Amino acid sequence: MSLLTLDPVFADPVRLHLASLLEVEQWCWLGYLRHATGMSQARLARHLRLLGGANYVVATKGADSKTWVRLTAWGEQRLDQHLGALDAAVKAAQQFTTQMRVDEPDWFEVVSR
């Protein structure tokens, strides 16, 4: 595991949340994303522009004049890699702490007040 595999685009929890929402559905209506995130249209548009600039999402106007957004295959791949790196980081920290509890038990003494 390397922290270098963490994607800086997803460092912002808002963009990570948006990508996670988009991964669930093929196309999402912009109104749904606004509702699901509680963001203003301007703030949501800023984050979607950043994701679009990285080729992680595409947007289109439907016949109903609504804007629809989806995660691209590249965006899905990068999201999966990012989530895998986060998972690996958590597991590495847990393994390290478990080993340190054996090697250096004094570091983990309970502190009474």
PDB file of N, CA and C in Angstrom:
ATOM      1  N   MET A   1       0.843  -1.173   0.000  1.00  0.00           N
ATOM      2  CA  MET A   1       0.000   0.000   0.000  1.00  0.00           C
ATOM      3  C   MET A   1       0.885   1.232   0.000  1.00  0.00           C
ATOM      4  N   SER A   2       0.521   2.173  -0.809  1.00  0.00           N
ATOM      5  CA  SER A   2       1.235   3.433  -0.857  1.00  0.00           C
ATOM      6  C   SER A   2       0.223   4.562  -0.837  1.00  0.00           C
ATOM      7  N   LEU A   3       0.527   5.572  -0.055  1.00  0.00           N
ATOM      8  CA  LEU A   3      -0.355   6.735  -0.040  1.00  0.00           C
ATOM      9  C   LEU A   3      -0.329   7.444  -1.390  1.00  0.00           C
ATOM     10  N   LEU A   4       0.684   7.130  -2.207  1.00  0.00           N
ATOM     11  CA  LEU A   4       0.749   7.727  -3.533  1.00  0.00           C
ATOM     12  C   LEU A   4      -0.388   7.250  -4.423  1.00  0.00           C
ATOM     13  N   THR A   5      -0.998   6.116  -4.091  1.00  0.00           N
ATOM     14  CA  THR A   5      -2.113   5.624  -4.894  1.00  0.00           C
ATOM     15  C   THR A   5      -3.434   6.293  -4.515  1.00  0.00           C
ATOM     16  N   LEU A   6      -3.422   7.099  -3.454  1.00  0.00           N
ATOM     17  CA  LEU A   6      -4.619   7.878  -3.137  1.00  0.00           C
ATOM     18  C   LEU A   6      -4.784   8.957  -4.201  1.00  0.00           C
ATOM     19  N   ASP A   7      -5.986   9.132  -4.670  1.00  0.00           N
ATOM     20  CA  ASP A   7      -6.249  10.084  -5.744  1.00  0.00           C
ATOM     21  C   ASP A   7      -6.536  11.462  -5.143  1.00  0.00           C
ATOM     22  N   PRO A   8      -5.743  12.469  -5.481  1.00  0.00           N
ATOM     23  CA  PRO A   8      -5.970  13.803  -4.904  1.00  0.00           C
ATOM     24  C   PRO A   8      -7.329  14.397  -5.265  1.00  0.00           C
ATOM     25  N   VAL A   9      -7.915  13.968  -6.382  1.00  0.00           N
ATOM     26  CA  VAL A   9      -9.245  14.463  -6.752  1.00  0.00           C
ATOM     27  C   VAL A   9     -10.269  14.051  -5.699  1.00  0.00           C
ATOM     28  N   PHE A  10     -10.083  12.858  -5.132  1.00  0.00           N
ATOM     29  CA  PHE A  10     -11.022  12.351  -4.132  1.00  0.00           C
ATOM     30  C   PHE A  10     -10.618  12.722  -2.705  1.00  0.00           C
ATOM     31  N   ALA A  11      -9.579  13.533  -2.552  1.00  0.00           N
ATOM     32  CA  ALA A  11      -9.176  13.964  -1.212  1.00  0.00           C
ATOM     33  C   ALA A  11     -10.285  14.791  -0.557  1.00  0.00           C
ATOM     34  N   ASP A  12     -11.040  15.490  -1.367  1.00  0.00           N
ATOM     35  CA  ASP A  12     -12.179  16.255  -0.858  1.00  0.00           C
ATOM     36  C   ASP A  12     -13.340  15.283  -0.636  1.00  0.00           C
ATOM     37  N   PRO A  13     -13.863  15.198   0.586  1.00  0.00           N
ATOM     38  CA  PRO A  13     -14.941  14.252   0.864  1.00  0.00           C
ATOM     39  C   PRO A  13     -16.197  14.479   0.018  1.00  0.00           C
ATOM     40  N   VAL A  14     -16.411  15.709  -0.430  1.00  0.00           N
ATOM     41  CA  VAL A  14     -17.581  15.982  -1.272  1.00  0.00           C
ATOM     42  C   VAL A  14     -17.452  15.241  -2.597  1.00  0.00           C
ATOM     43  N   ARG A  15     -16.273  15.304  -3.210  1.00  0.00           N
ATOM     44  CA  ARG A  15     -16.087  14.625  -4.493  1.00  0.00           C
ATOM     45  C   ARG A  15     -16.097  13.107  -4.323  1.00  0.00           C
ATOM     46  N   LEU A  16     -15.569  12.636  -3.211  1.00  0.00           N
ATOM     47  CA  LEU A  16     -15.626  11.205  -2.927  1.00  0.00           C
ATOM     48  C   LEU A  16     -17.087  10.759  -2.780  1.00  0.00           C
ATOM     49  N   HIS A  17     -17.883  11.567  -2.095  1.00  0.00           N
ATOM     50  CA  HIS A  17     -19.307  11.270  -1.925  1.00  0.00           C
ATOM     51  C   HIS A  17     -20.030  11.273  -3.276  1.00  0.00           C
ATOM     52  N   LEU A  18     -19.768  12.294  -4.087  1.00  0.00           N
ATOM     53  CA  LEU A  18     -20.405  12.362  -5.400  1.00  0.00           C
ATOM     54  C   LEU A  18     -20.055  11.146  -6.252  1.00  0.00           C
ATOM     55  N   ALA A  19     -18.791  10.790  -6.294  1.00  0.00           N
ATOM     56  CA  ALA A  19     -18.371   9.638  -7.098  1.00  0.00           C
ATOM     57  C   ALA A  19     -19.013   8.358  -6.578  1.00  0.00           C
ATOM     58  N   SER A  20     -19.130   8.242  -5.272  1.00  0.00           N
ATOM     59  CA  SER A  20     -19.765   7.054  -4.687  1.00  0.00           C
ATOM     60  C   SER A  20     -21.238   6.990  -5.058  1.00  0.00           C
ATOM     61  N   LEU A  21     -21.913   8.130  -5.054  1.00  0.00           N
ATOM     62  CA  LEU A  21     -23.314   8.166  -5.481  1.00  0.00           C
ATOM     63  C   LEU A  21     -23.442   7.792  -6.954  1.00  0.00           C
ATOM     64  N   LEU A  22     -22.535   8.314  -7.759  1.00  0.00           N
ATOM     65  CA  LEU A  22     -22.593   8.051  -9.197  1.00  0.00           C
ATOM     66  C   LEU A  22     -22.218   6.620  -9.542  1.00  0.00           C
ATOM     67  N   GLU A  23     -21.428   5.991  -8.710  1.00  0.00           N
ATOM     68  CA  GLU A  23     -21.045   4.608  -8.980  1.00  0.00           C
ATOM     69  C   GLU A  23     -22.245   3.663  -8.854  1.00  0.00           C
ATOM     70  N   VAL A  24     -23.193   4.042  -8.035  1.00  0.00           N
ATOM     71  CA  VAL A  24     -24.360   3.197  -7.788  1.00  0.00           C
ATOM     72  C   VAL A  24     -25.315   3.189  -8.981  1.00  0.00           C
ATOM     73  N   GLU A  25     -25.472   4.316  -9.647  1.00  0.00           N
ATOM     74  CA  GLU A  25     -26.422   4.451 -10.753  1.00  0.00           C
ATOM     75  C   GLU A  25     -25.679   4.740 -12.052  1.00  0.00           C
ATOM     76  N   GLN A  26     -26.283   4.338 -13.158  1.00  0.00           N
ATOM     77  CA  GLN A  26     -25.648   4.617 -14.443  1.00  0.00           C
ATOM     78  C   GLN A  26     -25.700   6.117 -14.740  1.00  0.00           C
ATOM     79  N   TRP A  27     -26.860   6.723 -14.630  1.00  0.00           N
ATOM     80  CA  TRP A  27     -27.026   8.159 -14.822  1.00  0.00           C
ATOM     81  C   TRP A  27     -27.793   8.721 -13.633  1.00  0.00           C
ATOM     82  N   CYS A  28     -27.365   9.860 -13.139  1.00  0.00           N
ATOM     83  CA  CYS A  28     -28.058  10.522 -12.030  1.00  0.00           C
ATOM     84  C   CYS A  28     -28.482  11.911 -12.472  1.00  0.00           C
ATOM     85  N   TRP A  29     -29.699  12.267 -12.131  1.00  0.00           N
ATOM     86  CA  TRP A  29     -30.207  13.606 -12.398  1.00  0.00           C
ATOM     87  C   TRP A  29     -29.518  14.571 -11.438  1.00  0.00           C
ATOM     88  N   LEU A  30     -29.183  15.735 -11.946  1.00  0.00           N
ATOM     89  CA  LEU A  30     -28.496  16.744 -11.147  1.00  0.00           C
ATOM     90  C   LEU A  30     -29.301  17.108  -9.900  1.00  0.00           C
ATOM     91  N   GLY A  31     -30.611  17.142 -10.014  1.00  0.00           N
ATOM     92  CA  GLY A  31     -31.466  17.444  -8.868  1.00  0.00           C
ATOM     93  C   GLY A  31     -31.334  16.397  -7.767  1.00  0.00           C
ATOM     94  N   TYR A  32     -31.200  15.138  -8.176  1.00  0.00           N
ATOM     95  CA  TYR A  32     -30.975  14.068  -7.190  1.00  0.00           C
ATOM     96  C   TYR A  32     -29.661  14.289  -6.464  1.00  0.00           C
ATOM     97  N   LEU A  33     -28.602  14.625  -7.201  1.00  0.00           N
ATOM     98  CA  LEU A  33     -27.290  14.858  -6.569  1.00  0.00           C
ATOM     99  C   LEU A  33     -27.355  16.044  -5.607  1.00  0.00           C
ATOM    100  N   ARG A  34     -28.076  17.095  -5.985  1.00  0.00           N
ATOM    101  CA  ARG A  34     -28.240  18.245  -5.080  1.00  0.00           C
ATOM    102  C   ARG A  34     -28.949  17.817  -3.810  1.00  0.00           C
ATOM    103  N   HIS A  35     -29.991  17.030  -3.963  1.00  0.00           N
ATOM    104  CA  HIS A  35     -30.751  16.566  -2.802  1.00  0.00           C
ATOM    105  C   HIS A  35     -29.902  15.628  -1.931  1.00  0.00           C
ATOM    106  N   ALA A  36     -29.205  14.700  -2.562  1.00  0.00           N
ATOM    107  CA  ALA A  36     -28.421  13.699  -1.829  1.00  0.00           C
ATOM    108  C   ALA A  36     -27.257  14.320  -1.074  1.00  0.00           C
ATOM    109  N   THR A  37     -26.709  15.416  -1.590  1.00  0.00           N
ATOM    110  CA  THR A  37     -25.547  16.042  -0.956  1.00  0.00           C
ATOM    111  C   THR A  37     -25.913  17.268  -0.121  1.00  0.00           C
ATOM    112  N   GLY A  38     -27.084  17.834  -0.366  1.00  0.00           N
ATOM    113  CA  GLY A  38     -27.483  19.042   0.347  1.00  0.00           C
ATOM    114  C   GLY A  38     -26.723  20.281  -0.108  1.00  0.00           C
ATOM    115  N   MET A  39     -26.114  20.207  -1.278  1.00  0.00           N
ATOM    116  CA  MET A  39     -25.304  21.327  -1.775  1.00  0.00           C
ATOM    117  C   MET A  39     -26.125  22.273  -2.639  1.00  0.00           C
ATOM    118  N   SER A  40     -25.648  23.496  -2.706  1.00  0.00           N
ATOM    119  CA  SER A  40     -26.245  24.448  -3.640  1.00  0.00           C
ATOM    120  C   SER A  40     -25.856  24.043  -5.057  1.00  0.00           C
ATOM    121  N   GLN A  41     -26.584  24.569  -6.018  1.00  0.00           N
ATOM    122  CA  GLN A  41     -26.293  24.245  -7.412  1.00  0.00           C
ATOM    123  C   GLN A  41     -24.891  24.725  -7.787  1.00  0.00           C
ATOM    124  N   ALA A  42     -24.506  25.894  -7.306  1.00  0.00           N
ATOM    125  CA  ALA A  42     -23.187  26.442  -7.647  1.00  0.00           C
ATOM    126  C   ALA A  42     -22.061  25.586  -7.069  1.00  0.00           C
ATOM    127  N   ARG A  43     -22.204  25.174  -5.831  1.00  0.00           N
ATOM    128  CA  ARG A  43     -21.161  24.348  -5.203  1.00  0.00           C
ATOM    129  C   ARG A  43     -21.071  22.981  -5.883  1.00  0.00           C
ATOM    130  N   LEU A  44     -22.225  22.401  -6.174  1.00  0.00           N
ATOM    131  CA  LEU A  44     -22.243  21.115  -6.856  1.00  0.00           C
ATOM    132  C   LEU A  44     -21.604  21.242  -8.238  1.00  0.00           C
ATOM    133  N   ALA A  45     -21.934  22.291  -8.964  1.00  0.00           N
ATOM    134  CA  ALA A  45     -21.373  22.496 -10.302  1.00  0.00           C
ATOM    135  C   ALA A  45     -19.853  22.616 -10.243  1.00  0.00           C
ATOM    136  N   ARG A  46     -19.336  23.290  -9.219  1.00  0.00           N
ATOM    137  CA  ARG A  46     -17.881  23.446  -9.079  1.00  0.00           C
ATOM    138  C   ARG A  46     -17.212  22.085  -8.915  1.00  0.00           C
ATOM    139  N   HIS A  47     -17.787  21.236  -8.069  1.00  0.00           N
ATOM    140  CA  HIS A  47     -17.201  19.912  -7.841  1.00  0.00           C
ATOM    141  C   HIS A  47     -17.342  19.019  -9.080  1.00  0.00           C
ATOM    142  N   LEU A  48     -18.471  19.113  -9.751  1.00  0.00           N
ATOM    143  CA  LEU A  48     -18.659  18.317 -10.963  1.00  0.00           C
ATOM    144  C   LEU A  48     -17.727  18.779 -12.081  1.00  0.00           C
ATOM    145  N   ARG A  49     -17.461  20.085 -12.169  1.00  0.00           N
ATOM    146  CA  ARG A  49     -16.491  20.578 -13.156  1.00  0.00           C
ATOM    147  C   ARG A  49     -15.106  20.009 -12.887  1.00  0.00           C
ATOM    148  N   LEU A  50     -14.721  19.957 -11.620  1.00  0.00           N
ATOM    149  CA  LEU A  50     -13.419  19.400 -11.278  1.00  0.00           C
ATOM    150  C   LEU A  50     -13.356  17.916 -11.626  1.00  0.00           C
ATOM    151  N   LEU A  51     -14.400  17.174 -11.286  1.00  0.00           N
ATOM    152  CA  LEU A  51     -14.456  15.753 -11.635  1.00  0.00           C
ATOM    153  C   LEU A  51     -14.478  15.565 -13.151  1.00  0.00           C
ATOM    154  N   GLY A  52     -15.190  16.431 -13.851  1.00  0.00           N
ATOM    155  CA  GLY A  52     -15.234  16.362 -15.307  1.00  0.00           C
ATOM    156  C   GLY A  52     -13.894  16.690 -15.936  1.00  0.00           C
ATOM    157  N   GLY A  53     -13.188  17.660 -15.356  1.00  0.00           N
ATOM    158  CA  GLY A  53     -11.864  18.025 -15.856  1.00  0.00           C
ATOM    159  C   GLY A  53     -10.866  16.887 -15.745  1.00  0.00           C
ATOM    160  N   ALA A  54     -11.088  16.003 -14.787  1.00  0.00           N
ATOM    161  CA  ALA A  54     -10.234  14.819 -14.620  1.00  0.00           C
ATOM    162  C   ALA A  54     -10.762  13.635 -15.434  1.00  0.00           C
ATOM    163  N   ASN A  55     -11.806  13.867 -16.218  1.00  0.00           N
ATOM    164  CA  ASN A  55     -12.465  12.822 -17.012  1.00  0.00           C
ATOM    165  C   ASN A  55     -13.068  11.726 -16.149  1.00  0.00           C
ATOM    166  N   TYR A  56     -13.507  12.083 -14.948  1.00  0.00           N
ATOM    167  CA  TYR A  56     -14.122  11.110 -14.041  1.00  0.00           C
ATOM    168  C   TYR A  56     -15.634  11.081 -14.201  1.00  0.00           C
ATOM    169  N   VAL A  57     -16.228  12.175 -14.697  1.00  0.00           N
ATOM    170  CA  VAL A  57     -17.672  12.224 -14.929  1.00  0.00           C
ATOM    171  C   VAL A  57     -17.953  12.888 -16.267  1.00  0.00           C
ATOM    172  N   VAL A  58     -19.118  12.581 -16.801  1.00  0.00           N
ATOM    173  CA  VAL A  58     -19.641  13.285 -17.971  1.00  0.00           C
ATOM    174  C   VAL A  58     -21.065  13.696 -17.649  1.00  0.00           C
ATOM    175  N   ALA A  59     -21.482  14.782 -18.278  1.00  0.00           N
ATOM    176  CA  ALA A  59     -22.845  15.280 -18.081  1.00  0.00           C
ATOM    177  C   ALA A  59     -23.481  15.497 -19.444  1.00  0.00           C
ATOM    178  N   THR A  60     -24.797  15.378 -19.478  1.00  0.00           N
ATOM    179  CA  THR A  60     -25.540  15.607 -20.711  1.00  0.00           C
ATOM    180  C   THR A  60     -26.920  16.144 -20.362  1.00  0.00           C
ATOM    181  N   LYS A  61     -27.488  16.865 -21.306  1.00  0.00           N
ATOM    182  CA  LYS A  61     -28.874  17.317 -21.169  1.00  0.00           C
ATOM    183  C   LYS A  61     -29.774  16.259 -21.779  1.00  0.00           C
ATOM    184  N   GLY A  62     -30.784  15.850 -21.028  1.00  0.00           N
ATOM    185  CA  GLY A  62     -31.730  14.872 -21.537  1.00  0.00           C
ATOM    186  C   GLY A  62     -32.814  15.533 -22.358  1.00  0.00           C
ATOM    187  N   ALA A  63     -33.667  14.723 -22.961  1.00  0.00           N
ATOM    188  CA  ALA A  63     -34.794  15.237 -23.740  1.00  0.00           C
ATOM    189  C   ALA A  63     -35.722  16.060 -22.852  1.00  0.00           C
ATOM    190  N   ASP A  64     -35.671  15.788 -21.559  1.00  0.00           N
ATOM    191  CA  ASP A  64     -36.496  16.514 -20.593  1.00  0.00           C
ATOM    192  C   ASP A  64     -35.857  17.821 -20.140  1.00  0.00           C
ATOM    193  N   SER A  65     -34.728  18.218 -20.765  1.00  0.00           N
ATOM    194  CA  SER A  65     -33.958  19.426 -20.440  1.00  0.00           C
ATOM    195  C   SER A  65     -33.282  19.355 -19.075  1.00  0.00           C
ATOM    196  N   LYS A  66     -33.327  18.202 -18.436  1.00  0.00           N
ATOM    197  CA  LYS A  66     -32.626  18.030 -17.169  1.00  0.00           C
ATOM    198  C   LYS A  66     -31.187  17.622 -17.451  1.00  0.00           C
ATOM    199  N   THR A  67     -30.293  18.002 -16.542  1.00  0.00           N
ATOM    200  CA  THR A  67     -28.898  17.595 -16.664  1.00  0.00           C
ATOM    201  C   THR A  67     -28.700  16.264 -15.954  1.00  0.00           C
ATOM    202  N   TRP A  68     -28.077  15.329 -16.661  1.00  0.00           N
ATOM    203  CA  TRP A  68     -27.808  13.995 -16.148  1.00  0.00           C
ATOM    204  C   TRP A  68     -26.302  13.792 -16.100  1.00  0.00           C
ATOM    205  N   VAL A  69     -25.827  13.124 -15.060  1.00  0.00           N
ATOM    206  CA  VAL A  69     -24.394  12.945 -14.841  1.00  0.00           C
ATOM    207  C   VAL A  69     -24.111  11.469 -14.611  1.00  0.00           C
ATOM    208  N   ARG A  70     -22.964  11.006 -15.106  1.00  0.00           N
ATOM    209  CA  ARG A  70     -22.553   9.637 -14.819  1.00  0.00           C
ATOM    210  C   ARG A  70     -21.040   9.595 -14.603  1.00  0.00           C
ATOM    211  N   LEU A  71     -20.611   8.575 -13.904  1.00  0.00           N
ATOM    212  CA  LEU A  71     -19.196   8.303 -13.696  1.00  0.00           C
ATOM    213  C   LEU A  71     -18.672   7.603 -14.946  1.00  0.00           C
ATOM    214  N   THR A  72     -17.530   8.027 -15.447  1.00  0.00           N
ATOM    215  CA  THR A  72     -16.937   7.365 -16.608  1.00  0.00           C
ATOM    216  C   THR A  72     -16.247   6.074 -16.164  1.00  0.00           C
ATOM    217  N   ALA A  73     -15.872   5.257 -17.133  1.00  0.00           N
ATOM    218  CA  ALA A  73     -15.115   4.035 -16.805  1.00  0.00           C
ATOM    219  C   ALA A  73     -13.806   4.409 -16.109  1.00  0.00           C
ATOM    220  N   TRP A  74     -13.161   5.481 -16.576  1.00  0.00           N
ATOM    221  CA  TRP A  74     -11.926   5.955 -15.944  1.00  0.00           C
ATOM    222  C   TRP A  74     -12.209   6.413 -14.513  1.00  0.00           C
ATOM    223  N   GLY A  75     -13.301   7.115 -14.311  1.00  0.00           N
ATOM    224  CA  GLY A  75     -13.681   7.558 -12.972  1.00  0.00           C
ATOM    225  C   GLY A  75     -13.952   6.387 -12.047  1.00  0.00           C
ATOM    226  N   GLU A  76     -14.626   5.362 -12.564  1.00  0.00           N
ATOM    227  CA  GLU A  76     -14.881   4.153 -11.769  1.00  0.00           C
ATOM    228  C   GLU A  76     -13.576   3.483 -11.374  1.00  0.00           C
ATOM    229  N   GLN A  77     -12.658   3.389 -12.327  1.00  0.00           N
ATOM    230  CA  GLN A  77     -11.363   2.754 -12.057  1.00  0.00           C
ATOM    231  C   GLN A  77     -10.594   3.526 -10.993  1.00  0.00           C
ATOM    232  N   ARG A  78     -10.559   4.843 -11.130  1.00  0.00           N
ATOM    233  CA  ARG A  78      -9.822   5.673 -10.161  1.00  0.00           C
ATOM    234  C   ARG A  78     -10.480   5.619  -8.786  1.00  0.00           C
ATOM    235  N   LEU A  79     -11.812   5.601  -8.739  1.00  0.00           N
ATOM    236  CA  LEU A  79     -12.516   5.494  -7.461  1.00  0.00           C
ATOM    237  C   LEU A  79     -12.194   4.166  -6.793  1.00  0.00           C
ATOM    238  N   ASP A  80     -12.246   3.091  -7.551  1.00  0.00           N
ATOM    239  CA  ASP A  80     -11.925   1.772  -6.991  1.00  0.00           C
ATOM    240  C   ASP A  80     -10.495   1.734  -6.456  1.00  0.00           C
ATOM    241  N   GLN A  81      -9.548   2.319  -7.203  1.00  0.00           N
ATOM    242  CA  GLN A  81      -8.153   2.354  -6.749  1.00  0.00           C
ATOM    243  C   GLN A  81      -8.016   3.185  -5.474  1.00  0.00           C
ATOM    244  N   HIS A  82      -8.711   4.304  -5.427  1.00  0.00           N
ATOM    245  CA  HIS A  82      -8.656   5.176  -4.253  1.00  0.00           C
ATOM    246  C   HIS A  82      -9.221   4.465  -3.024  1.00  0.00           C
ATOM    247  N   LEU A  83     -10.387   3.833  -3.193  1.00  0.00           N
ATOM    248  CA  LEU A  83     -10.998   3.125  -2.067  1.00  0.00           C
ATOM    249  C   LEU A  83     -10.131   1.949  -1.626  1.00  0.00           C
ATOM    250  N   GLY A  84      -9.502   1.276  -2.581  1.00  0.00           N
ATOM    251  CA  GLY A  84      -8.579   0.189  -2.244  1.00  0.00           C
ATOM    252  C   GLY A  84      -7.391   0.689  -1.452  1.00  0.00           C
ATOM    253  N   ALA A  85      -6.864   1.852  -1.830  1.00  0.00           N
ATOM    254  CA  ALA A  85      -5.734   2.437  -1.104  1.00  0.00           C
ATOM    255  C   ALA A  85      -6.146   2.851   0.306  1.00  0.00           C
ATOM    256  N   LEU A  86      -7.351   3.399   0.456  1.00  0.00           N
ATOM    257  CA  LEU A  86      -7.843   3.750   1.795  1.00  0.00           C
ATOM    258  C   LEU A  86      -7.987   2.499   2.657  1.00  0.00           C
ATOM    259  N   ASP A  87      -8.549   1.454   2.088  1.00  0.00           N
ATOM    260  CA  ASP A  87      -8.715   0.196   2.807  1.00  0.00           C
ATOM    261  C   ASP A  87      -7.358  -0.369   3.216  1.00  0.00           C
ATOM    262  N   ALA A  88      -6.390  -0.334   2.307  1.00  0.00           N
ATOM    263  CA  ALA A  88      -5.050  -0.835   2.608  1.00  0.00           C
ATOM    264  C   ALA A  88      -4.392  -0.012   3.712  1.00  0.00           C
ATOM    265  N   ALA A  89      -4.621   1.291   3.708  1.00  0.00           N
ATOM    266  CA  ALA A  89      -4.045   2.151   4.747  1.00  0.00           C
ATOM    267  C   ALA A  89      -4.611   1.806   6.119  1.00  0.00           C
ATOM    268  N   VAL A  90      -5.909   1.572   6.175  1.00  0.00           N
ATOM    269  CA  VAL A  90      -6.550   1.201   7.442  1.00  0.00           C
ATOM    270  C   VAL A  90      -6.017  -0.141   7.931  1.00  0.00           C
ATOM    271  N   LYS A  91      -5.938  -1.110   7.039  1.00  0.00           N
ATOM    272  CA  LYS A  91      -5.445  -2.439   7.419  1.00  0.00           C
ATOM    273  C   LYS A  91      -3.987  -2.385   7.870  1.00  0.00           C
ATOM    274  N   ALA A  92      -3.173  -1.602   7.187  1.00  0.00           N
ATOM    275  CA  ALA A  92      -1.759  -1.474   7.577  1.00  0.00           C
ATOM    276  C   ALA A  92      -1.645  -0.842   8.961  1.00  0.00           C
ATOM    277  N   ALA A  93      -2.457   0.154   9.244  1.00  0.00           N
ATOM    278  CA  ALA A  93      -2.425   0.793  10.559  1.00  0.00           C
ATOM    279  C   ALA A  93      -2.865  -0.181  11.651  1.00  0.00           C
ATOM    280  N   GLN A  94      -3.890  -0.966  11.361  1.00  0.00           N
ATOM    281  CA  GLN A  94      -4.359  -1.955  12.333  1.00  0.00           C
ATOM    282  C   GLN A  94      -3.295  -3.017  12.596  1.00  0.00           C
ATOM    283  N   GLN A  95      -2.652  -3.496  11.537  1.00  0.00           N
ATOM    284  CA  GLN A  95      -1.609  -4.509  11.697  1.00  0.00           C
ATOM    285  C   GLN A  95      -0.420  -3.948  12.466  1.00  0.00           C
ATOM    286  N   PHE A  96      -0.033  -2.729  12.155  1.00  0.00           N
ATOM    287  CA  PHE A  96       1.078  -2.092  12.841  1.00  0.00           C
ATOM    288  C   PHE A  96       0.776  -1.946  14.329  1.00  0.00           C
ATOM    289  N   THR A  97      -0.423  -1.463  14.640  1.00  0.00           N
ATOM    290  CA  THR A  97      -0.807  -1.267  16.036  1.00  0.00           C
ATOM    291  C   THR A  97      -0.867  -2.598  16.778  1.00  0.00           C
ATOM    292  N   THR A  98      -1.407  -3.614  16.148  1.00  0.00           N
ATOM    293  CA  THR A  98      -1.456  -4.942  16.765  1.00  0.00           C
ATOM    294  C   THR A  98      -0.053  -5.434  17.100  1.00  0.00           C
ATOM    295  N   GLN A  99       0.874  -5.268  16.152  1.00  0.00           N
ATOM    296  CA  GLN A  99       2.257  -5.707  16.389  1.00  0.00           C
ATOM    297  C   GLN A  99       2.921  -4.863  17.467  1.00  0.00           C
ATOM    298  N   MET A 100       2.669  -3.592  17.482  1.00  0.00           N
ATOM    299  CA  MET A 100       3.288  -2.713  18.482  1.00  0.00           C
ATOM    300  C   MET A 100       2.754  -3.009  19.882  1.00  0.00           C
ATOM    301  N   ARG A 101       1.517  -3.434  19.982  1.00  0.00           N
ATOM    302  CA  ARG A 101       0.974  -3.816  21.291  1.00  0.00           C
ATOM    303  C   ARG A 101       1.751  -4.999  21.863  1.00  0.00           C
ATOM    304  N   VAL A 102       2.268  -5.869  21.001  1.00  0.00           N
ATOM    305  CA  VAL A 102       3.071  -7.008  21.439  1.00  0.00           C
ATOM    306  C   VAL A 102       4.504  -6.555  21.723  1.00  0.00           C
ATOM    307  N   ASP A 103       5.075  -5.792  20.791  1.00  0.00           N
ATOM    308  CA  ASP A 103       6.472  -5.380  20.901  1.00  0.00           C
ATOM    309  C   ASP A 103       6.703  -4.309  21.966  1.00  0.00           C
ATOM    310  N   GLU A 104       5.791  -3.402  22.105  1.00  0.00           N
ATOM    311  CA  GLU A 104       5.947  -2.254  23.018  1.00  0.00           C
ATOM    312  C   GLU A 104       4.674  -2.057  23.843  1.00  0.00           C
ATOM    313  N   PRO A 105       4.352  -2.984  24.738  1.00  0.00           N
ATOM    314  CA  PRO A 105       3.084  -2.874  25.477  1.00  0.00           C
ATOM    315  C   PRO A 105       2.997  -1.624  26.345  1.00  0.00           C
ATOM    316  N   ASP A 106       4.138  -1.088  26.767  1.00  0.00           N
ATOM    317  CA  ASP A 106       4.108   0.120  27.589  1.00  0.00           C
ATOM    318  C   ASP A 106       3.534   1.321  26.836  1.00  0.00           C
ATOM    319  N   TRP A 107       3.600   1.274  25.543  1.00  0.00           N
ATOM    320  CA  TRP A 107       3.083   2.393  24.755  1.00  0.00           C
ATOM    321  C   TRP A 107       1.571   2.449  24.799  1.00  0.00           C
ATOM    322  N   PHE A 108       0.941   1.370  25.247  1.00  0.00           N
ATOM    323  CA  PHE A 108      -0.499   1.277  25.183  1.00  0.00           C
ATOM    324  C   PHE A 108      -1.149   1.093  26.556  1.00  0.00           C
ATOM    325  N   GLU A 109      -0.458   1.508  27.586  1.00  0.00           N
ATOM    326  CA  GLU A 109      -1.028   1.385  28.938  1.00  0.00           C
ATOM    327  C   GLU A 109      -2.250   2.284  29.053  1.00  0.00           C
ATOM    328  N   VAL A 110      -3.183   1.826  29.839  1.00  0.00           N
ATOM    329  CA  VAL A 110      -4.374   2.619  30.088  1.00  0.00           C
ATOM    330  C   VAL A 110      -3.998   3.742  31.042  1.00  0.00           C
ATOM    331  N   VAL A 111      -4.377   4.924  30.701  1.00  0.00           N
ATOM    332  CA  VAL A 111      -4.088   6.083  31.535  1.00  0.00           C
ATOM    333  C   VAL A 111      -5.321   6.360  32.393  1.00  0.00           C
ATOM    334  N   SER A 112      -5.122   6.350  33.716  1.00  0.00           N
ATOM    335  CA  SER A 112      -6.233   6.661  34.603  1.00  0.00           C
ATOM    336  C   SER A 112      -6.172   8.122  34.979  1.00  0.00           C
ATOM    337  N   ARG A 113      -7.307   8.684  35.216  1.00  0.00           N
ATOM    338  CA  ARG A 113      -7.365  10.116  35.536  1.00  0.00           C
ATOM    339  C   ARG A 113      -7.408  10.319  37.016  1.00  0.00           C
TER     340      ARG A 113
END
